[in-house]
Structures are given as structure tokens and as C-alpha cells.
């Protein structure tokens, strides 16, 4: 079965300053009684965390709500989307429910926390 796809009616790129990425942590750090900590690689691939902020209209927020609650089954199913920095298609999952707040009288600020699957 192919993955779901981020809706084309939603913004494809985050707002300026609305992008944060945390690279995957694949190392296990063990503190020693004395000296430097020991490090070892736990796995070769891990999810990357991405935080995004978008400006959306009320209609776009409704599309996002439907995509999150119904299409991805409240974040149970992954979806494909173009990575905002790298440009290639990648697989994502929601890490938590989207947050919506008023930005202007007709626009909303929407914050997403996603994990990019390896």
C-alpha cells in the first residue's frame, strides 16, 4: 500500500522562521565514574524531528483537521511530503496534534511537530 500524501491545497512550505529540524540521535552515551563518557552507536537510522509553522486560512485549517483526524487516523498513518529544506519526498508522521492560533482576523498560525522516518 502506498503512503498518503500531504494535501496539495495546504501550504507546501513553512513561514519564514517557521522551520526547525533536529537531526537523528543514533548514539548511546554512558557516563563513567571517571573520565570521558563511552559512546556507541545504537542504530544506523532514526527519525528526525521537524517543527513547522504555517499561515493558513480557515478553509485550509479545516482541510488540515480532516487530514489529521480522518486521513491519517489521528496520526496513526504516515504520509509523504516534500522536505522543506532538502526538496526530496520523504515519509512523515505527526508527533502530536497540530496547534492552531489566530494570527490575524482571517489567518491562523498552525504549528506542526513531525518526525521524518528513516
N, C-alpha and C. Protein backbone atom coordinates (compact mmCIF):
# COMPACT_ATOMS: atom_id res chain seq x y z
N UNK A 1 0.84 -1.18 0.00
CA UNK A 1 0.00 0.00 0.00
C UNK A 1 0.89 1.25 0.00
N UNK A 2 0.59 2.19 -0.86
CA UNK A 2 1.38 3.42 -0.90
C UNK A 2 0.92 4.37 0.20
N UNK A 3 1.83 5.25 0.56
CA UNK A 3 1.53 6.20 1.63
C UNK A 3 0.52 7.25 1.18
N UNK A 4 -0.08 7.86 2.15
CA UNK A 4 -0.92 9.03 1.92
C UNK A 4 -0.01 10.17 1.50
N UNK A 5 -0.60 11.24 0.99
CA UNK A 5 0.19 12.38 0.52
C UNK A 5 -0.35 13.65 1.17
N UNK A 6 0.57 14.54 1.59
CA UNK A 6 0.22 15.85 2.15
C UNK A 6 -0.70 16.55 1.14
N UNK A 7 -1.84 17.09 1.58
CA UNK A 7 -2.80 17.71 0.65
C UNK A 7 -2.20 18.88 -0.14
N UNK A 8 -2.46 18.90 -1.43
CA UNK A 8 -1.94 19.97 -2.29
C UNK A 8 -2.60 21.31 -2.00
N UNK A 9 -3.77 21.30 -1.37
CA UNK A 9 -4.46 22.55 -1.04
C UNK A 9 -3.89 23.24 0.20
N UNK A 10 -2.98 22.56 0.90
CA UNK A 10 -2.33 23.15 2.07
C UNK A 10 -1.00 23.77 1.65
N UNK A 11 -0.48 24.72 2.43
CA UNK A 11 0.82 25.30 2.10
C UNK A 11 1.88 24.20 2.00
N UNK A 12 2.78 24.34 1.05
CA UNK A 12 3.83 23.35 0.84
C UNK A 12 5.14 23.73 1.53
N UNK A 13 5.27 25.00 1.90
CA UNK A 13 6.47 25.47 2.58
C UNK A 13 6.08 26.24 3.84
N UNK A 14 6.85 26.09 4.92
CA UNK A 14 6.55 26.82 6.16
C UNK A 14 6.85 28.30 6.02
N UNK A 15 6.37 29.07 6.99
CA UNK A 15 6.65 30.51 7.00
C UNK A 15 8.13 30.75 7.24
N UNK A 16 8.59 31.94 6.90
CA UNK A 16 9.98 32.31 7.16
C UNK A 16 10.19 32.26 8.67
N UNK A 17 11.19 31.58 9.10
CA UNK A 17 11.45 31.42 10.54
C UNK A 17 10.59 30.35 11.18
N UNK A 18 9.76 29.67 10.39
CA UNK A 18 8.86 28.65 10.92
C UNK A 18 9.32 27.25 10.65
N UNK A 19 10.63 27.05 10.68
CA UNK A 19 11.18 25.72 10.40
C UNK A 19 12.30 25.43 11.37
N UNK A 20 12.24 24.28 12.00
CA UNK A 20 13.28 23.82 12.90
C UNK A 20 13.45 22.33 12.71
N UNK A 21 14.68 21.88 12.63
CA UNK A 21 14.94 20.46 12.42
C UNK A 21 15.97 19.97 13.42
N UNK A 22 15.73 18.80 13.95
CA UNK A 22 16.69 18.16 14.85
C UNK A 22 17.14 16.87 14.19
N UNK A 23 18.44 16.76 13.96
CA UNK A 23 18.97 15.56 13.33
C UNK A 23 18.77 14.36 14.24
N UNK A 24 18.77 13.19 13.64
CA UNK A 24 18.55 11.95 14.37
C UNK A 24 19.68 11.68 15.36
N UNK A 25 19.32 11.23 16.54
CA UNK A 25 20.31 10.85 17.55
C UNK A 25 20.42 9.33 17.53
N UNK A 26 21.58 8.85 17.13
CA UNK A 26 21.77 7.40 16.99
C UNK A 26 22.81 6.84 17.94
N UNK A 27 23.31 7.67 18.86
CA UNK A 27 24.39 7.26 19.76
C UNK A 27 23.87 7.08 21.18
N UNK A 28 24.33 6.05 21.84
CA UNK A 28 24.02 5.83 23.25
C UNK A 28 25.22 6.31 24.06
N UNK A 29 25.00 7.22 25.00
CA UNK A 29 26.07 7.80 25.83
C UNK A 29 25.95 7.21 27.23
N UNK A 30 27.06 6.65 27.72
CA UNK A 30 27.08 6.07 29.06
C UNK A 30 28.13 6.80 29.90
N UNK A 31 27.69 7.40 31.00
CA UNK A 31 28.61 8.12 31.88
C UNK A 31 29.47 7.11 32.64
N UNK A 32 30.72 7.46 32.80
CA UNK A 32 31.67 6.62 33.55
C UNK A 32 31.91 7.27 34.92
N UNK A 33 32.38 6.48 35.88
CA UNK A 33 32.72 7.01 37.21
C UNK A 33 33.83 8.05 37.11
N UNK A 34 34.73 7.84 36.18
CA UNK A 34 35.83 8.78 35.97
C UNK A 34 36.14 8.81 34.48
N UNK A 35 36.52 9.95 34.00
CA UNK A 35 36.90 10.08 32.60
C UNK A 35 35.72 10.38 31.70
N UNK A 36 36.02 10.33 30.42
CA UNK A 36 35.02 10.67 29.41
C UNK A 36 33.93 9.59 29.31
N UNK A 37 32.76 10.02 28.89
CA UNK A 37 31.66 9.08 28.69
C UNK A 37 31.98 8.15 27.54
N UNK A 38 31.42 6.94 27.60
CA UNK A 38 31.59 6.00 26.49
C UNK A 38 30.41 6.18 25.54
N UNK A 39 30.73 6.09 24.27
CA UNK A 39 29.71 6.24 23.24
C UNK A 39 29.69 5.00 22.35
N UNK A 40 28.48 4.62 21.94
CA UNK A 40 28.36 3.56 20.95
C UNK A 40 27.11 3.82 20.13
N UNK A 41 27.16 3.39 18.92
CA UNK A 41 26.04 3.60 18.02
C UNK A 41 24.95 2.58 18.34
N UNK A 42 23.72 3.07 18.57
CA UNK A 42 22.60 2.18 18.87
C UNK A 42 21.99 1.62 17.60
N UNK A 43 21.86 2.46 16.60
CA UNK A 43 21.28 2.04 15.32
C UNK A 43 21.80 2.96 14.23
N UNK A 44 21.61 2.56 12.99
CA UNK A 44 22.16 3.33 11.88
C UNK A 44 21.19 4.38 11.35
N UNK A 45 19.92 4.25 11.65
CA UNK A 45 18.93 5.22 11.17
C UNK A 45 17.90 5.48 12.26
N UNK A 46 17.48 6.71 12.36
CA UNK A 46 16.46 7.08 13.36
C UNK A 46 15.65 8.24 12.80
N UNK A 47 14.43 8.44 13.30
CA UNK A 47 13.62 9.56 12.82
C UNK A 47 14.24 10.91 13.16
N UNK A 48 14.03 11.89 12.27
CA UNK A 48 14.43 13.27 12.53
C UNK A 48 13.19 14.05 12.92
N UNK A 49 13.32 14.93 13.88
CA UNK A 49 12.19 15.75 14.32
C UNK A 49 12.19 17.08 13.56
N UNK A 50 11.01 17.46 13.07
CA UNK A 50 10.86 18.70 12.34
C UNK A 50 9.68 19.47 12.91
N UNK A 51 9.90 20.74 13.24
CA UNK A 51 8.84 21.61 13.71
C UNK A 51 8.60 22.67 12.65
N UNK A 52 7.33 22.87 12.29
CA UNK A 52 6.97 23.78 11.21
C UNK A 52 5.85 24.70 11.64
N UNK A 53 5.86 25.91 11.10
CA UNK A 53 4.77 26.85 11.32
C UNK A 53 4.28 27.32 9.96
N UNK A 54 2.97 27.33 9.79
CA UNK A 54 2.33 27.77 8.55
C UNK A 54 1.31 28.85 8.83
N UNK A 55 1.03 29.69 7.85
CA UNK A 55 -0.11 30.60 7.88
C UNK A 55 -1.19 29.95 7.03
N UNK A 56 -2.39 29.80 7.58
CA UNK A 56 -3.47 29.16 6.85
C UNK A 56 -4.78 29.93 7.01
N UNK A 57 -5.62 29.78 6.01
CA UNK A 57 -6.97 30.32 6.08
C UNK A 57 -7.83 29.35 6.88
N UNK A 58 -9.04 29.75 7.23
CA UNK A 58 -9.96 28.87 7.95
C UNK A 58 -10.26 27.61 7.13
N UNK A 59 -10.39 27.76 5.81
CA UNK A 59 -10.65 26.61 4.94
C UNK A 59 -9.47 25.64 4.94
N UNK A 60 -8.25 26.17 4.94
CA UNK A 60 -7.07 25.30 4.98
C UNK A 60 -6.95 24.59 6.32
N UNK A 61 -7.29 25.27 7.41
CA UNK A 61 -7.27 24.62 8.73
C UNK A 61 -8.27 23.47 8.74
N UNK A 62 -9.41 23.65 8.10
CA UNK A 62 -10.41 22.58 8.03
C UNK A 62 -9.86 21.39 7.24
N UNK A 63 -9.14 21.65 6.15
CA UNK A 63 -8.52 20.57 5.38
C UNK A 63 -7.48 19.85 6.23
N UNK A 64 -6.66 20.61 6.95
CA UNK A 64 -5.65 20.00 7.82
C UNK A 64 -6.30 19.15 8.90
N UNK A 65 -7.36 19.65 9.50
CA UNK A 65 -8.06 18.89 10.54
C UNK A 65 -8.58 17.56 9.99
N UNK A 66 -9.17 17.60 8.82
CA UNK A 66 -9.67 16.38 8.19
C UNK A 66 -8.52 15.43 7.85
N UNK A 67 -7.42 15.98 7.34
CA UNK A 67 -6.25 15.16 7.01
C UNK A 67 -5.70 14.49 8.26
N UNK A 68 -5.58 15.25 9.34
CA UNK A 68 -5.03 14.71 10.58
C UNK A 68 -5.99 13.70 11.23
N UNK A 69 -7.25 14.09 11.42
CA UNK A 69 -8.18 13.24 12.17
C UNK A 69 -8.70 12.05 11.38
N UNK A 70 -8.97 12.24 10.09
CA UNK A 70 -9.59 11.17 9.32
C UNK A 70 -8.59 10.43 8.42
N UNK A 71 -7.87 11.19 7.59
CA UNK A 71 -6.99 10.55 6.61
C UNK A 71 -5.85 9.80 7.27
N UNK A 72 -5.16 10.44 8.22
CA UNK A 72 -4.05 9.76 8.90
C UNK A 72 -4.51 9.05 10.18
N UNK A 73 -5.81 9.00 10.39
CA UNK A 73 -6.39 8.32 11.56
C UNK A 73 -5.83 8.87 12.87
N UNK A 74 -5.79 10.20 12.97
CA UNK A 74 -5.30 10.84 14.19
C UNK A 74 -3.84 10.60 14.42
N UNK A 75 -3.09 10.50 13.33
CA UNK A 75 -1.63 10.38 13.32
C UNK A 75 -1.13 8.95 13.32
N UNK A 76 -2.02 7.98 13.11
CA UNK A 76 -1.60 6.58 13.09
C UNK A 76 -0.94 6.17 11.78
N UNK A 77 -1.23 6.88 10.69
CA UNK A 77 -0.70 6.51 9.39
C UNK A 77 0.31 7.54 8.89
N UNK A 78 1.40 7.08 8.26
CA UNK A 78 2.39 8.02 7.71
C UNK A 78 1.91 8.64 6.41
N UNK A 79 2.58 9.72 6.02
CA UNK A 79 2.25 10.38 4.76
C UNK A 79 3.53 10.87 4.10
N UNK A 80 3.47 11.06 2.79
CA UNK A 80 4.61 11.56 2.03
C UNK A 80 4.45 13.07 1.82
N UNK A 81 5.60 13.75 1.81
CA UNK A 81 5.62 15.19 1.61
C UNK A 81 7.02 15.58 1.19
N UNK A 82 7.14 16.69 0.49
CA UNK A 82 8.45 17.18 0.07
C UNK A 82 9.14 17.86 1.25
N UNK A 83 10.36 17.43 1.54
CA UNK A 83 11.12 18.01 2.64
C UNK A 83 11.38 19.49 2.36
N UNK A 84 11.06 20.39 3.31
CA UNK A 84 11.19 21.83 3.06
C UNK A 84 12.62 22.31 2.79
N UNK A 85 13.61 21.64 3.34
CA UNK A 85 15.00 22.07 3.16
C UNK A 85 15.69 21.28 2.05
N UNK A 86 15.48 19.98 2.03
CA UNK A 86 16.19 19.11 1.09
C UNK A 86 15.52 19.01 -0.28
N UNK A 87 14.20 19.18 -0.31
CA UNK A 87 13.48 19.16 -1.58
C UNK A 87 13.00 17.80 -2.05
N UNK A 88 13.48 16.71 -1.48
CA UNK A 88 13.03 15.37 -1.90
C UNK A 88 11.82 14.90 -1.11
N UNK A 89 11.10 13.96 -1.67
CA UNK A 89 9.93 13.40 -0.99
C UNK A 89 10.41 12.48 0.13
N UNK A 90 9.79 12.61 1.29
CA UNK A 90 10.13 11.78 2.44
C UNK A 90 8.84 11.35 3.14
N UNK A 91 8.96 10.36 4.02
CA UNK A 91 7.82 9.86 4.78
C UNK A 91 7.81 10.51 6.16
N UNK A 92 6.63 10.97 6.58
CA UNK A 92 6.47 11.67 7.86
C UNK A 92 5.33 11.07 8.66
N UNK A 93 5.39 11.32 9.97
CA UNK A 93 4.28 11.06 10.89
C UNK A 93 4.14 12.26 11.80
N UNK A 94 2.91 12.52 12.22
CA UNK A 94 2.69 13.56 13.22
C UNK A 94 3.21 13.06 14.55
N UNK A 95 3.91 13.92 15.31
CA UNK A 95 4.36 13.57 16.65
C UNK A 95 3.32 13.96 17.69
N UNK A 96 2.51 14.95 17.35
CA UNK A 96 1.43 15.39 18.23
C UNK A 96 0.40 16.10 17.37
N UNK A 97 -0.76 16.38 17.95
CA UNK A 97 -1.82 17.05 17.21
C UNK A 97 -1.37 18.47 16.82
N UNK A 98 -1.76 18.93 15.62
CA UNK A 98 -1.43 20.30 15.21
C UNK A 98 -2.01 21.32 16.18
N UNK A 99 -1.30 22.45 16.34
CA UNK A 99 -1.77 23.54 17.20
C UNK A 99 -2.14 24.74 16.31
N UNK A 100 -3.29 25.31 16.55
CA UNK A 100 -3.80 26.42 15.75
C UNK A 100 -4.05 27.62 16.65
N UNK A 101 -3.57 28.80 16.21
CA UNK A 101 -3.85 30.03 16.95
C UNK A 101 -4.12 31.14 15.94
N UNK A 102 -4.85 32.15 16.35
CA UNK A 102 -5.19 33.27 15.47
C UNK A 102 -3.95 34.11 15.22
N UNK A 103 -3.71 34.44 13.95
CA UNK A 103 -2.59 35.31 13.58
C UNK A 103 -3.11 36.69 13.19
N UNK A 104 -4.18 36.72 12.43
CA UNK A 104 -4.87 37.96 12.07
C UNK A 104 -6.36 37.66 12.13
N UNK A 105 -7.16 38.60 11.66
CA UNK A 105 -8.61 38.38 11.68
C UNK A 105 -9.03 37.25 10.75
N UNK A 106 -8.24 36.97 9.71
CA UNK A 106 -8.63 35.95 8.74
C UNK A 106 -7.59 34.85 8.54
N UNK A 107 -6.43 34.95 9.19
CA UNK A 107 -5.39 33.94 9.05
C UNK A 107 -5.05 33.30 10.40
N UNK A 108 -4.63 32.06 10.33
CA UNK A 108 -4.28 31.31 11.53
C UNK A 108 -2.84 30.83 11.43
N UNK A 109 -2.18 30.78 12.57
CA UNK A 109 -0.83 30.23 12.67
C UNK A 109 -0.98 28.78 13.10
N UNK A 110 -0.43 27.87 12.31
CA UNK A 110 -0.56 26.45 12.58
C UNK A 110 0.84 25.87 12.83
N UNK A 111 1.02 25.22 13.98
CA UNK A 111 2.30 24.61 14.33
C UNK A 111 2.19 23.10 14.26
N UNK A 112 3.17 22.48 13.61
CA UNK A 112 3.21 21.04 13.49
C UNK A 112 4.52 20.50 14.02
N UNK A 113 4.46 19.34 14.66
CA UNK A 113 5.65 18.59 15.03
C UNK A 113 5.56 17.27 14.27
N UNK A 114 6.54 17.06 13.41
CA UNK A 114 6.56 15.85 12.59
C UNK A 114 7.85 15.08 12.86
N UNK A 115 7.82 13.80 12.55
CA UNK A 115 9.05 13.04 12.53
C UNK A 115 9.21 12.49 11.12
N UNK A 116 10.41 12.69 10.58
CA UNK A 116 10.74 12.17 9.27
C UNK A 116 11.30 10.78 9.47
N UNK A 117 10.67 9.81 8.83
CA UNK A 117 11.06 8.43 9.00
C UNK A 117 12.33 8.13 8.21
N UNK A 118 13.20 7.28 8.73
CA UNK A 118 14.45 6.96 8.02
C UNK A 118 14.18 6.13 6.76
